[in-house]
Amino acid sequence: RVLVYSLIPQDHPYWTLVVEPLHGVTIGFALTASVAFAAEWVPKGYEASGQGFLSMVRGLGQFIGLCIGGFLEGRILYRVLAVIVSVGSIMLAVGNHVTTNDSMLYRRGRK
């Protein structure tokens, strides 16, 4: 979504209205997935603490993003954010793949 914003021609800002509904979809999926992820990784009975920590990290990320965003021009900002989101997504996917496959090997008795 952030990459699409940077590709909208400057003389056609109304195209933003076509992309903007994706914000509701992406934020809904991201918040739901992050809460489920936090609930999986904290010990039983500490789910609320995990969500509190998640909220703190999310707030810290927003704060840092706003501080950095003040120094970058609009189009550059969205492209930099697209790269950051892509790198983070790849790191999360690789980490999830490694931890899932590693735990499956333990369950099968191979390690």
PDB file of N, CA and C in Angstrom:
ATOM      1  N   ARG A   1       0.825  -1.192   0.000  1.00  0.00           N
ATOM      2  CA  ARG A   1       0.000   0.000   0.000  1.00  0.00           C
ATOM      3  C   ARG A   1       0.862   1.246   0.000  1.00  0.00           C
ATOM      4  N   VAL A   2       1.919   1.273   0.835  1.00  0.00           N
ATOM      5  CA  VAL A   2       2.754   2.476   0.884  1.00  0.00           C
ATOM      6  C   VAL A   2       3.495   2.690  -0.425  1.00  0.00           C
ATOM      7  N   LEU A   3       3.845   1.600  -1.103  1.00  0.00           N
ATOM      8  CA  LEU A   3       4.517   1.740  -2.395  1.00  0.00           C
ATOM      9  C   LEU A   3       3.560   2.332  -3.430  1.00  0.00           C
ATOM     10  N   VAL A   4       2.310   1.933  -3.405  1.00  0.00           N
ATOM     11  CA  VAL A   4       1.321   2.456  -4.353  1.00  0.00           C
ATOM     12  C   VAL A   4       1.139   3.958  -4.153  1.00  0.00           C
ATOM     13  N   TYR A   5       1.140   4.423  -2.905  1.00  0.00           N
ATOM     14  CA  TYR A   5       1.037   5.864  -2.650  1.00  0.00           C
ATOM     15  C   TYR A   5       2.161   6.632  -3.340  1.00  0.00           C
ATOM     16  N   SER A   6       3.361   6.091  -3.331  1.00  0.00           N
ATOM     17  CA  SER A   6       4.488   6.805  -3.934  1.00  0.00           C
ATOM     18  C   SER A   6       4.427   6.783  -5.460  1.00  0.00           C
ATOM     19  N   LEU A   7       3.643   5.879  -6.026  1.00  0.00           N
ATOM     20  CA  LEU A   7       3.551   5.785  -7.481  1.00  0.00           C
ATOM     21  C   LEU A   7       2.413   6.624  -8.068  1.00  0.00           C
ATOM     22  N   ILE A   8       1.576   7.193  -7.223  1.00  0.00           N
ATOM     23  CA  ILE A   8       0.462   8.025  -7.702  1.00  0.00           C
ATOM     24  C   ILE A   8       1.032   9.312  -8.293  1.00  0.00           C
ATOM     25  N   PRO A   9       0.659   9.650  -9.531  1.00  0.00           N
ATOM     26  CA  PRO A   9       1.173  10.887 -10.138  1.00  0.00           C
ATOM     27  C   PRO A   9       0.758  12.116  -9.332  1.00  0.00           C
ATOM     28  N   GLN A  10       1.635  13.092  -9.235  1.00  0.00           N
ATOM     29  CA  GLN A  10       1.362  14.277  -8.432  1.00  0.00           C
ATOM     30  C   GLN A  10       0.208  15.106  -8.973  1.00  0.00           C
ATOM     31  N   ASP A  11      -0.048  15.027 -10.269  1.00  0.00           N
ATOM     32  CA  ASP A  11      -1.146  15.805 -10.831  1.00  0.00           C
ATOM     33  C   ASP A  11      -2.495  15.065 -10.767  1.00  0.00           C
ATOM     34  N   HIS A  12      -2.516  13.863 -10.150  1.00  0.00           N
ATOM     35  CA  HIS A  12      -3.753  13.093  -9.983  1.00  0.00           C
ATOM     36  C   HIS A  12      -3.903  12.619  -8.532  1.00  0.00           C
ATOM     37  N   PRO A  13      -4.024  13.538  -7.573  1.00  0.00           N
ATOM     38  CA  PRO A  13      -4.096  13.131  -6.163  1.00  0.00           C
ATOM     39  C   PRO A  13      -5.362  12.361  -5.806  1.00  0.00           C
ATOM     40  N   TYR A  14      -6.397  12.452  -6.649  1.00  0.00           N
ATOM     41  CA  TYR A  14      -7.642  11.761  -6.350  1.00  0.00           C
ATOM     42  C   TYR A  14      -7.486  10.244  -6.414  1.00  0.00           C
ATOM     43  N   TRP A  15      -6.400   9.748  -7.017  1.00  0.00           N
ATOM     44  CA  TRP A  15      -6.147   8.301  -7.038  1.00  0.00           C
ATOM     45  C   TRP A  15      -5.908   7.768  -5.620  1.00  0.00           C
ATOM     46  N   THR A  16      -5.576   8.669  -4.718  1.00  0.00           N
ATOM     47  CA  THR A  16      -5.406   8.276  -3.323  1.00  0.00           C
ATOM     48  C   THR A  16      -6.698   7.696  -2.765  1.00  0.00           C
ATOM     49  N   LEU A  17      -7.834   8.200  -3.226  1.00  0.00           N
ATOM     50  CA  LEU A  17      -9.131   7.714  -2.757  1.00  0.00           C
ATOM     51  C   LEU A  17      -9.369   6.256  -3.160  1.00  0.00           C
ATOM     52  N   VAL A  18      -8.734   5.816  -4.237  1.00  0.00           N
ATOM     53  CA  VAL A  18      -8.874   4.425  -4.670  1.00  0.00           C
ATOM     54  C   VAL A  18      -8.053   3.510  -3.758  1.00  0.00           C
ATOM     55  N   VAL A  19      -6.893   3.993  -3.327  1.00  0.00           N
ATOM     56  CA  VAL A  19      -5.979   3.185  -2.521  1.00  0.00           C
ATOM     57  C   VAL A  19      -6.350   3.217  -1.034  1.00  0.00           C
ATOM     58  N   GLU A  20      -6.937   4.292  -0.578  1.00  0.00           N
ATOM     59  CA  GLU A  20      -7.185   4.491   0.856  1.00  0.00           C
ATOM     60  C   GLU A  20      -8.034   3.404   1.522  1.00  0.00           C
ATOM     61  N   PRO A  21      -9.037   2.803   0.861  1.00  0.00           N
ATOM     62  CA  PRO A  21      -9.772   1.719   1.530  1.00  0.00           C
ATOM     63  C   PRO A  21      -8.895   0.525   1.927  1.00  0.00           C
ATOM     64  N   LEU A  22      -7.768   0.370   1.275  1.00  0.00           N
ATOM     65  CA  LEU A  22      -6.854  -0.704   1.660  1.00  0.00           C
ATOM     66  C   LEU A  22      -6.298  -0.502   3.065  1.00  0.00           C
ATOM     67  N   HIS A  23      -6.304   0.733   3.556  1.00  0.00           N
ATOM     68  CA  HIS A  23      -5.806   0.996   4.902  1.00  0.00           C
ATOM     69  C   HIS A  23      -6.617   0.232   5.941  1.00  0.00           C
ATOM     70  N   GLY A  24      -7.921   0.254   5.803  1.00  0.00           N
ATOM     71  CA  GLY A  24      -8.765  -0.469   6.751  1.00  0.00           C
ATOM     72  C   GLY A  24      -8.510  -1.960   6.733  1.00  0.00           C
ATOM     73  N   VAL A  25      -8.316  -2.498   5.545  1.00  0.00           N
ATOM     74  CA  VAL A  25      -8.059  -3.935   5.419  1.00  0.00           C
ATOM     75  C   VAL A  25      -6.693  -4.286   6.014  1.00  0.00           C
ATOM     76  N   THR A  26      -5.664  -3.529   5.649  1.00  0.00           N
ATOM     77  CA  THR A  26      -4.323  -3.865   6.119  1.00  0.00           C
ATOM     78  C   THR A  26      -4.180  -3.662   7.617  1.00  0.00           C
ATOM     79  N   ILE A  27      -4.765  -2.612   8.168  1.00  0.00           N
ATOM     80  CA  ILE A  27      -4.638  -2.381   9.608  1.00  0.00           C
ATOM     81  C   ILE A  27      -5.418  -3.441  10.379  1.00  0.00           C
ATOM     82  N   GLY A  28      -6.554  -3.857   9.859  1.00  0.00           N
ATOM     83  CA  GLY A  28      -7.330  -4.918  10.515  1.00  0.00           C
ATOM     84  C   GLY A  28      -6.574  -6.237  10.541  1.00  0.00           C
ATOM     85  N   PHE A  29      -6.002  -6.616   9.406  1.00  0.00           N
ATOM     86  CA  PHE A  29      -5.215  -7.854   9.357  1.00  0.00           C
ATOM     87  C   PHE A  29      -3.971  -7.759  10.236  1.00  0.00           C
ATOM     88  N   ALA A  30      -3.290  -6.623  10.194  1.00  0.00           N
ATOM     89  CA  ALA A  30      -2.051  -6.465  10.963  1.00  0.00           C
ATOM     90  C   ALA A  30      -2.314  -6.519  12.461  1.00  0.00           C
ATOM     91  N   LEU A  31      -3.336  -5.836  12.931  1.00  0.00           N
ATOM     92  CA  LEU A  31      -3.631  -5.844  14.365  1.00  0.00           C
ATOM     93  C   LEU A  31      -4.086  -7.217  14.840  1.00  0.00           C
ATOM     94  N   THR A  32      -4.932  -7.861  14.072  1.00  0.00           N
ATOM     95  CA  THR A  32      -5.403  -9.194  14.443  1.00  0.00           C
ATOM     96  C   THR A  32      -4.253 -10.198  14.468  1.00  0.00           C
ATOM     97  N   ALA A  33      -3.404 -10.153  13.447  1.00  0.00           N
ATOM     98  CA  ALA A  33      -2.270 -11.080  13.387  1.00  0.00           C
ATOM     99  C   ALA A  33      -1.270 -10.808  14.502  1.00  0.00           C
ATOM    100  N   SER A  34      -1.036  -9.544  14.828  1.00  0.00           N
ATOM    101  CA  SER A  34      -0.056  -9.241  15.868  1.00  0.00           C
ATOM    102  C   SER A  34      -0.552  -9.684  17.240  1.00  0.00           C
ATOM    103  N   VAL A  35      -1.822  -9.544  17.524  1.00  0.00           N
ATOM    104  CA  VAL A  35      -2.371 -10.005  18.803  1.00  0.00           C
ATOM    105  C   VAL A  35      -2.309 -11.533  18.881  1.00  0.00           C
ATOM    106  N   ALA A  36      -2.638 -12.212  17.796  1.00  0.00           N
ATOM    107  CA  ALA A  36      -2.552 -13.677  17.782  1.00  0.00           C
ATOM    108  C   ALA A  36      -1.105 -14.135  17.952  1.00  0.00           C
ATOM    109  N   PHE A  37      -0.184 -13.433  17.305  1.00  0.00           N
ATOM    110  CA  PHE A  37       1.242 -13.759  17.414  1.00  0.00           C
ATOM    111  C   PHE A  37       1.723 -13.569  18.847  1.00  0.00           C
ATOM    112  N   ALA A  38       1.330 -12.479  19.477  1.00  0.00           N
ATOM    113  CA  ALA A  38       1.733 -12.212  20.862  1.00  0.00           C
ATOM    114  C   ALA A  38       1.151 -13.265  21.800  1.00  0.00           C
ATOM    115  N   ALA A  39      -0.084 -13.662  21.572  1.00  0.00           N
ATOM    116  CA  ALA A  39      -0.710 -14.668  22.429  1.00  0.00           C
ATOM    117  C   ALA A  39      -0.017 -16.018  22.315  1.00  0.00           C
ATOM    118  N   GLU A  40       0.525 -16.324  21.138  1.00  0.00           N
ATOM    119  CA  GLU A  40       1.241 -17.592  20.941  1.00  0.00           C
ATOM    120  C   GLU A  40       2.589 -17.622  21.649  1.00  0.00           C
ATOM    121  N   TRP A  41       3.266 -16.496  21.710  1.00  0.00           N
ATOM    122  CA  TRP A  41       4.651 -16.475  22.162  1.00  0.00           C
ATOM    123  C   TRP A  41       4.838 -16.153  23.637  1.00  0.00           C
ATOM    124  N   VAL A  42       3.794 -15.757  24.333  1.00  0.00           N
ATOM    125  CA  VAL A  42       3.940 -15.484  25.769  1.00  0.00           C
ATOM    126  C   VAL A  42       3.438 -16.701  26.544  1.00  0.00           C
ATOM    127  N   PRO A  43       3.950 -16.897  27.762  1.00  0.00           N
ATOM    128  CA  PRO A  43       3.482 -18.031  28.575  1.00  0.00           C
ATOM    129  C   PRO A  43       1.996 -17.913  28.904  1.00  0.00           C
ATOM    130  N   LYS A  44       1.390 -19.045  29.158  1.00  0.00           N
ATOM    131  CA  LYS A  44      -0.032 -19.102  29.510  1.00  0.00           C
ATOM    132  C   LYS A  44      -0.288 -18.221  30.728  1.00  0.00           C
ATOM    133  N   GLY A  45      -1.321 -17.405  30.651  1.00  0.00           N
ATOM    134  CA  GLY A  45      -1.667 -16.526  31.749  1.00  0.00           C
ATOM    135  C   GLY A  45      -1.072 -15.130  31.623  1.00  0.00           C
ATOM    136  N   TYR A  46      -0.164 -14.930  30.677  1.00  0.00           N
ATOM    137  CA  TYR A  46       0.478 -13.623  30.479  1.00  0.00           C
ATOM    138  C   TYR A  46       0.066 -12.978  29.160  1.00  0.00           C
ATOM    139  N   GLU A  47      -1.057 -13.395  28.623  1.00  0.00           N
ATOM    140  CA  GLU A  47      -1.497 -12.871  27.331  1.00  0.00           C
ATOM    141  C   GLU A  47      -1.705 -11.363  27.365  1.00  0.00           C
ATOM    142  N   ALA A  48      -2.281 -10.848  28.454  1.00  0.00           N
ATOM    143  CA  ALA A  48      -2.511  -9.400  28.559  1.00  0.00           C
ATOM    144  C   ALA A  48      -1.193  -8.643  28.606  1.00  0.00           C
ATOM    145  N   SER A  49      -0.205  -9.200  29.296  1.00  0.00           N
ATOM    146  CA  SER A  49       1.119  -8.568  29.334  1.00  0.00           C
ATOM    147  C   SER A  49       1.752  -8.577  27.945  1.00  0.00           C
ATOM    148  N   GLY A  50       1.561  -9.668  27.214  1.00  0.00           N
ATOM    149  CA  GLY A  50       2.078  -9.741  25.846  1.00  0.00           C
ATOM    150  C   GLY A  50       1.442  -8.692  24.951  1.00  0.00           C
ATOM    151  N   GLN A  51       0.137  -8.475  25.106  1.00  0.00           N
ATOM    152  CA  GLN A  51      -0.533  -7.454  24.308  1.00  0.00           C
ATOM    153  C   GLN A  51      -0.088  -6.061  24.727  1.00  0.00           C
ATOM    154  N   GLY A  52       0.178  -5.874  26.020  1.00  0.00           N
ATOM    155  CA  GLY A  52       0.700  -4.586  26.484  1.00  0.00           C
ATOM    156  C   GLY A  52       2.079  -4.301  25.917  1.00  0.00           C
ATOM    157  N   PHE A  53       2.928  -5.321  25.903  1.00  0.00           N
ATOM    158  CA  PHE A  53       4.261  -5.168  25.314  1.00  0.00           C
ATOM    159  C   PHE A  53       4.157  -4.874  23.830  1.00  0.00           C
ATOM    160  N   LEU A  54       3.264  -5.579  23.160  1.00  0.00           N
ATOM    161  CA  LEU A  54       3.037  -5.356  21.734  1.00  0.00           C
ATOM    162  C   LEU A  54       2.589  -3.921  21.476  1.00  0.00           C
ATOM    163  N   SER A  55       1.705  -3.418  22.305  1.00  0.00           N
ATOM    164  CA  SER A  55       1.221  -2.050  22.167  1.00  0.00           C
ATOM    165  C   SER A  55       2.352  -1.045  22.383  1.00  0.00           C
ATOM    166  N   MET A  56       3.239  -1.340  23.347  1.00  0.00           N
ATOM    167  CA  MET A  56       4.380  -0.462  23.597  1.00  0.00           C
ATOM    168  C   MET A  56       5.322  -0.433  22.394  1.00  0.00           C
ATOM    169  N   VAL A  57       5.604  -1.603  21.837  1.00  0.00           N
ATOM    170  CA  VAL A  57       6.501  -1.679  20.675  1.00  0.00           C
ATOM    171  C   VAL A  57       5.880  -0.969  19.478  1.00  0.00           C
ATOM    172  N   ARG A  58       4.589  -1.157  19.281  1.00  0.00           N
ATOM    173  CA  ARG A  58       3.898  -0.497  18.170  1.00  0.00           C
ATOM    174  C   ARG A  58       3.953   1.028  18.337  1.00  0.00           C
ATOM    175  N   GLY A  59       3.730   1.506  19.555  1.00  0.00           N
ATOM    176  CA  GLY A  59       3.805   2.947  19.826  1.00  0.00           C
ATOM    177  C   GLY A  59       5.203   3.495  19.625  1.00  0.00           C
ATOM    178  N   LEU A  60       6.208   2.735  20.040  1.00  0.00           N
ATOM    179  CA  LEU A  60       7.594   3.153  19.843  1.00  0.00           C
ATOM    180  C   LEU A  60       7.922   3.224  18.350  1.00  0.00           C
ATOM    181  N   GLY A  61       7.432   2.243  17.595  1.00  0.00           N
ATOM    182  CA  GLY A  61       7.644   2.250  16.148  1.00  0.00           C
ATOM    183  C   GLY A  61       6.993   3.448  15.479  1.00  0.00           C
ATOM    184  N   GLN A  62       5.797   3.793  15.927  1.00  0.00           N
ATOM    185  CA  GLN A  62       5.117   4.961  15.366  1.00  0.00           C
ATOM    186  C   GLN A  62       5.878   6.239  15.706  1.00  0.00           C
ATOM    187  N   PHE A  63       6.381   6.331  16.921  1.00  0.00           N
ATOM    188  CA  PHE A  63       7.144   7.504  17.332  1.00  0.00           C
ATOM    189  C   PHE A  63       8.414   7.658  16.489  1.00  0.00           C
ATOM    190  N   ILE A  64       9.158   6.571  16.334  1.00  0.00           N
ATOM    191  CA  ILE A  64      10.394   6.624  15.541  1.00  0.00           C
ATOM    192  C   ILE A  64      10.069   6.940  14.087  1.00  0.00           C
ATOM    193  N   GLY A  65       8.998   6.336  13.571  1.00  0.00           N
ATOM    194  CA  GLY A  65       8.593   6.614  12.197  1.00  0.00           C
ATOM    195  C   GLY A  65       8.240   8.067  11.973  1.00  0.00           C
ATOM    196  N   LEU A  66       7.539   8.670  12.930  1.00  0.00           N
ATOM    197  CA  LEU A  66       7.181  10.083  12.804  1.00  0.00           C
ATOM    198  C   LEU A  66       8.421  10.970  12.869  1.00  0.00           C
ATOM    199  N   CYS A  67       9.369  10.615  13.729  1.00  0.00           N
ATOM    200  CA  CYS A  67      10.607  11.408  13.824  1.00  0.00           C
ATOM    201  C   CYS A  67      11.410  11.338  12.532  1.00  0.00           C
ATOM    202  N   ILE A  68      11.545  10.139  11.974  1.00  0.00           N
ATOM    203  CA  ILE A  68      12.293   9.973  10.730  1.00  0.00           C
ATOM    204  C   ILE A  68      11.529  10.585   9.566  1.00  0.00           C
ATOM    205  N   GLY A  69      10.208  10.412   9.556  1.00  0.00           N
ATOM    206  CA  GLY A  69       9.386  10.918   8.467  1.00  0.00           C
ATOM    207  C   GLY A  69       9.444  12.420   8.312  1.00  0.00           C
ATOM    208  N   GLY A  70       9.733  13.132   9.371  1.00  0.00           N
ATOM    209  CA  GLY A  70       9.836  14.578   9.284  1.00  0.00           C
ATOM    210  C   GLY A  70      11.011  15.049   8.453  1.00  0.00           C
ATOM    211  N   PHE A  71      11.996  14.194   8.277  1.00  0.00           N
ATOM    212  CA  PHE A  71      13.194  14.566   7.521  1.00  0.00           C
ATOM    213  C   PHE A  71      13.136  14.154   6.056  1.00  0.00           C
ATOM    214  N   LEU A  72      12.186  13.307   5.693  1.00  0.00           N
ATOM    215  CA  LEU A  72      12.119  12.803   4.324  1.00  0.00           C
ATOM    216  C   LEU A  72      10.979  13.455   3.558  1.00  0.00           C
ATOM    217  N   GLU A  73      11.193  13.651   2.279  1.00  0.00           N
ATOM    218  CA  GLU A  73      10.160  14.193   1.395  1.00  0.00           C
ATOM    219  C   GLU A  73       9.122  13.101   1.137  1.00  0.00           C
ATOM    220  N   GLY A  74       7.876  13.480   0.855  1.00  0.00           N
ATOM    221  CA  GLY A  74       6.751  12.566   0.741  1.00  0.00           C
ATOM    222  C   GLY A  74       6.971  11.310  -0.078  1.00  0.00           C
ATOM    223  N   ARG A  75       7.370  11.446  -1.326  1.00  0.00           N
ATOM    224  CA  ARG A  75       7.546  10.272  -2.184  1.00  0.00           C
ATOM    225  C   ARG A  75       8.686   9.389  -1.690  1.00  0.00           C
ATOM    226  N   ILE A  76       9.775  10.018  -1.271  1.00  0.00           N
ATOM    227  CA  ILE A  76      10.915   9.264  -0.754  1.00  0.00           C
ATOM    228  C   ILE A  76      10.495   8.515   0.513  1.00  0.00           C
ATOM    229  N   LEU A  77       9.730   9.184   1.369  1.00  0.00           N
ATOM    230  CA  LEU A  77       9.279   8.574   2.623  1.00  0.00           C
ATOM    231  C   LEU A  77       8.521   7.278   2.348  1.00  0.00           C
ATOM    232  N   TYR A  78       7.573   7.305   1.426  1.00  0.00           N
ATOM    233  CA  TYR A  78       6.774   6.115   1.163  1.00  0.00           C
ATOM    234  C   TYR A  78       7.612   4.994   0.564  1.00  0.00           C
ATOM    235  N   ARG A  79       8.593   5.332  -0.242  1.00  0.00           N
ATOM    236  CA  ARG A  79       9.451   4.291  -0.810  1.00  0.00           C
ATOM    237  C   ARG A  79      10.367   3.698   0.245  1.00  0.00           C
ATOM    238  N   VAL A  80      10.884   4.537   1.137  1.00  0.00           N
ATOM    239  CA  VAL A  80      11.710   4.036   2.238  1.00  0.00           C
ATOM    240  C   VAL A  80      10.862   3.137   3.145  1.00  0.00           C
ATOM    241  N   LEU A  81       9.648   3.548   3.445  1.00  0.00           N
ATOM    242  CA  LEU A  81       8.759   2.727   4.265  1.00  0.00           C
ATOM    243  C   LEU A  81       8.428   1.397   3.582  1.00  0.00           C
ATOM    244  N   ALA A  82       8.249   1.420   2.269  1.00  0.00           N
ATOM    245  CA  ALA A  82       7.974   0.182   1.540  1.00  0.00           C
ATOM    246  C   ALA A  82       9.149  -0.778   1.659  1.00  0.00           C
ATOM    247  N   VAL A  83      10.370  -0.256   1.592  1.00  0.00           N
ATOM    248  CA  VAL A  83      11.560  -1.107   1.745  1.00  0.00           C
ATOM    249  C   VAL A  83      11.620  -1.667   3.170  1.00  0.00           C
ATOM    250  N   ILE A  84      11.375  -0.821   4.163  1.00  0.00           N
ATOM    251  CA  ILE A  84      11.415  -1.271   5.561  1.00  0.00           C
ATOM    252  C   ILE A  84      10.365  -2.354   5.805  1.00  0.00           C
ATOM    253  N   VAL A  85       9.157  -2.148   5.301  1.00  0.00           N
ATOM    254  CA  VAL A  85       8.092  -3.132   5.480  1.00  0.00           C
ATOM    255  C   VAL A  85       8.456  -4.436   4.768  1.00  0.00           C
ATOM    256  N   SER A  86       9.028  -4.347   3.578  1.00  0.00           N
ATOM    257  CA  SER A  86       9.414  -5.550   2.836  1.00  0.00           C
ATOM    258  C   SER A  86      10.504  -6.325   3.559  1.00  0.00           C
ATOM    259  N   VAL A  87      11.521  -5.628   4.037  1.00  0.00           N
ATOM    260  CA  VAL A  87      12.609  -6.294   4.764  1.00  0.00           C
ATOM    261  C   VAL A  87      12.075  -6.928   6.045  1.00  0.00           C
ATOM    262  N   GLY A  88      11.239  -6.211   6.778  1.00  0.00           N
ATOM    263  CA  GLY A  88      10.657  -6.767   7.993  1.00  0.00           C
ATOM    264  C   GLY A  88       9.792  -7.985   7.722  1.00  0.00           C
ATOM    265  N   SER A  89       9.025  -7.943   6.649  1.00  0.00           N
ATOM    266  CA  SER A  89       8.171  -9.080   6.298  1.00  0.00           C
ATOM    267  C   SER A  89       8.998 -10.299   5.935  1.00  0.00           C
ATOM    268  N   ILE A  90      10.067 -10.081   5.189  1.00  0.00           N
ATOM    269  CA  ILE A  90      10.949 -11.195   4.822  1.00  0.00           C
ATOM    270  C   ILE A  90      11.612 -11.776   6.062  1.00  0.00           C
ATOM    271  N   MET A  91      12.085 -10.908   6.962  1.00  0.00           N
ATOM    272  CA  MET A  91      12.713 -11.395   8.192  1.00  0.00           C
ATOM    273  C   MET A  91      11.713 -12.198   9.032  1.00  0.00           C
ATOM    274  N   LEU A  92      10.493 -11.730   9.136  1.00  0.00           N
ATOM    275  CA  LEU A  92       9.471 -12.437   9.901  1.00  0.00           C
ATOM    276  C   LEU A  92       9.142 -13.779   9.253  1.00  0.00           C
ATOM    277  N   ALA A  93       9.021 -13.807   7.936  1.00  0.00           N
ATOM    278  CA  ALA A  93       8.708 -15.053   7.241  1.00  0.00           C
ATOM    279  C   ALA A  93       9.832 -16.072   7.406  1.00  0.00           C
ATOM    280  N   VAL A  94      11.070 -15.620   7.268  1.00  0.00           N
ATOM    281  CA  VAL A  94      12.210 -16.531   7.427  1.00  0.00           C
ATOM    282  C   VAL A  94      12.286 -17.022   8.872  1.00  0.00           C
ATOM    283  N   GLY A  95      12.140 -16.111   9.831  1.00  0.00           N
ATOM    284  CA  GLY A  95      12.172 -16.515  11.237  1.00  0.00           C
ATOM    285  C   GLY A  95      11.071 -17.493  11.582  1.00  0.00           C
ATOM    286  N   ASN A  96       9.885 -17.250  11.071  1.00  0.00           N
ATOM    287  CA  ASN A  96       8.762 -18.155  11.309  1.00  0.00           C
ATOM    288  C   ASN A  96       9.023 -19.516  10.674  1.00  0.00           C
ATOM    289  N   HIS A  97       9.580 -19.523   9.476  1.00  0.00           N
ATOM    290  CA  HIS A  97       9.886 -20.783   8.787  1.00  0.00           C
ATOM    291  C   HIS A  97      10.931 -21.578   9.557  1.00  0.00           C
ATOM    292  N   VAL A  98      11.969 -20.893  10.012  1.00  0.00           N
ATOM    293  CA  VAL A  98      13.046 -21.575  10.739  1.00  0.00           C
ATOM    294  C   VAL A  98      12.528 -22.133  12.062  1.00  0.00           C
ATOM    295  N   THR A  99      11.793 -21.330  12.821  1.00  0.00           N
ATOM    296  CA  THR A  99      11.320 -21.811  14.124  1.00  0.00           C
ATOM    297  C   THR A  99      10.269 -22.895  13.976  1.00  0.00           C
ATOM    298  N   THR A 100       9.416 -22.801  12.970  1.00  0.00           N
ATOM    299  CA  THR A 100       8.390 -23.820  12.763  1.00  0.00           C
ATOM    300  C   THR A 100       9.021 -25.131  12.340  1.00  0.00           C
ATOM    301  N   ASN A 101       9.939 -25.089  11.385  1.00  0.00           N
ATOM    302  CA  ASN A 101      10.583 -26.314  10.924  1.00  0.00           C
ATOM    303  C   ASN A 101      11.462 -26.920  12.006  1.00  0.00           C
ATOM    304  N   ASP A 102      12.142 -26.079  12.791  1.00  0.00           N
ATOM    305  CA  ASP A 102      12.998 -26.580  13.851  1.00  0.00           C
ATOM    306  C   ASP A 102      12.171 -27.283  14.919  1.00  0.00           C
ATOM    307  N   SER A 103      11.045 -26.710  15.296  1.00  0.00           N
ATOM    308  CA  SER A 103      10.208 -27.336  16.327  1.00  0.00           C
ATOM    309  C   SER A 103       9.575 -28.622  15.803  1.00  0.00           C
ATOM    310  N   MET A 104       9.285 -28.696  14.506  1.00  0.00           N
ATOM    311  CA  MET A 104       8.721 -29.914  13.942  1.00  0.00           C
ATOM    312  C   MET A 104       9.753 -31.030  13.948  1.00  0.00           C
ATOM    313  N   LEU A 105      11.030 -30.689  13.737  1.00  0.00           N
ATOM    314  CA  LEU A 105      12.072 -31.704  13.788  1.00  0.00           C
ATOM    315  C   LEU A 105      12.194 -32.267  15.201  1.00  0.00           C
ATOM    316  N   TYR A 106      12.058 -31.417  16.200  1.00  0.00           N
ATOM    317  CA  TYR A 106      12.107 -31.889  17.582  1.00  0.00           C
ATOM    318  C   TYR A 106      10.934 -32.820  17.884  1.00  0.00           C
ATOM    319  N   ARG A 107       9.768 -32.480  17.379  1.00  0.00           N
ATOM    320  CA  ARG A 107       8.589 -33.321  17.633  1.00  0.00           C
ATOM    321  C   ARG A 107       8.706 -34.681  16.963  1.00  0.00           C
ATOM    322  N   ARG A 108       9.364 -34.727  15.831  1.00  0.00           N
ATOM    323  CA  ARG A 108       9.504 -36.002  15.117  1.00  0.00           C
ATOM    324  C   ARG A 108      10.664 -36.827  15.653  1.00  0.00           C
ATOM    325  N   GLY A 109      11.428 -36.278  16.567  1.00  0.00           N
ATOM    326  CA  GLY A 109      12.535 -37.025  17.154  1.00  0.00           C
ATOM    327  C   GLY A 109      13.794 -37.066  16.312  1.00  0.00           C
ATOM    328  N   ARG A 110      13.931 -36.147  15.380  1.00  0.00           N
ATOM    329  CA  ARG A 110      15.120 -36.133  14.530  1.00  0.00           C
ATOM    330  C   ARG A 110      16.291 -35.410  15.174  1.00  0.00           C
ATOM    331  N   LYS A 111      16.058 -34.640  16.216  1.00  0.00           N
ATOM    332  CA  LYS A 111      17.149 -33.931  16.868  1.00  0.00           C
ATOM    333  C   LYS A 111      17.216 -34.313  18.312  1.00  0.00           C
TER     334      LYS A 111
END
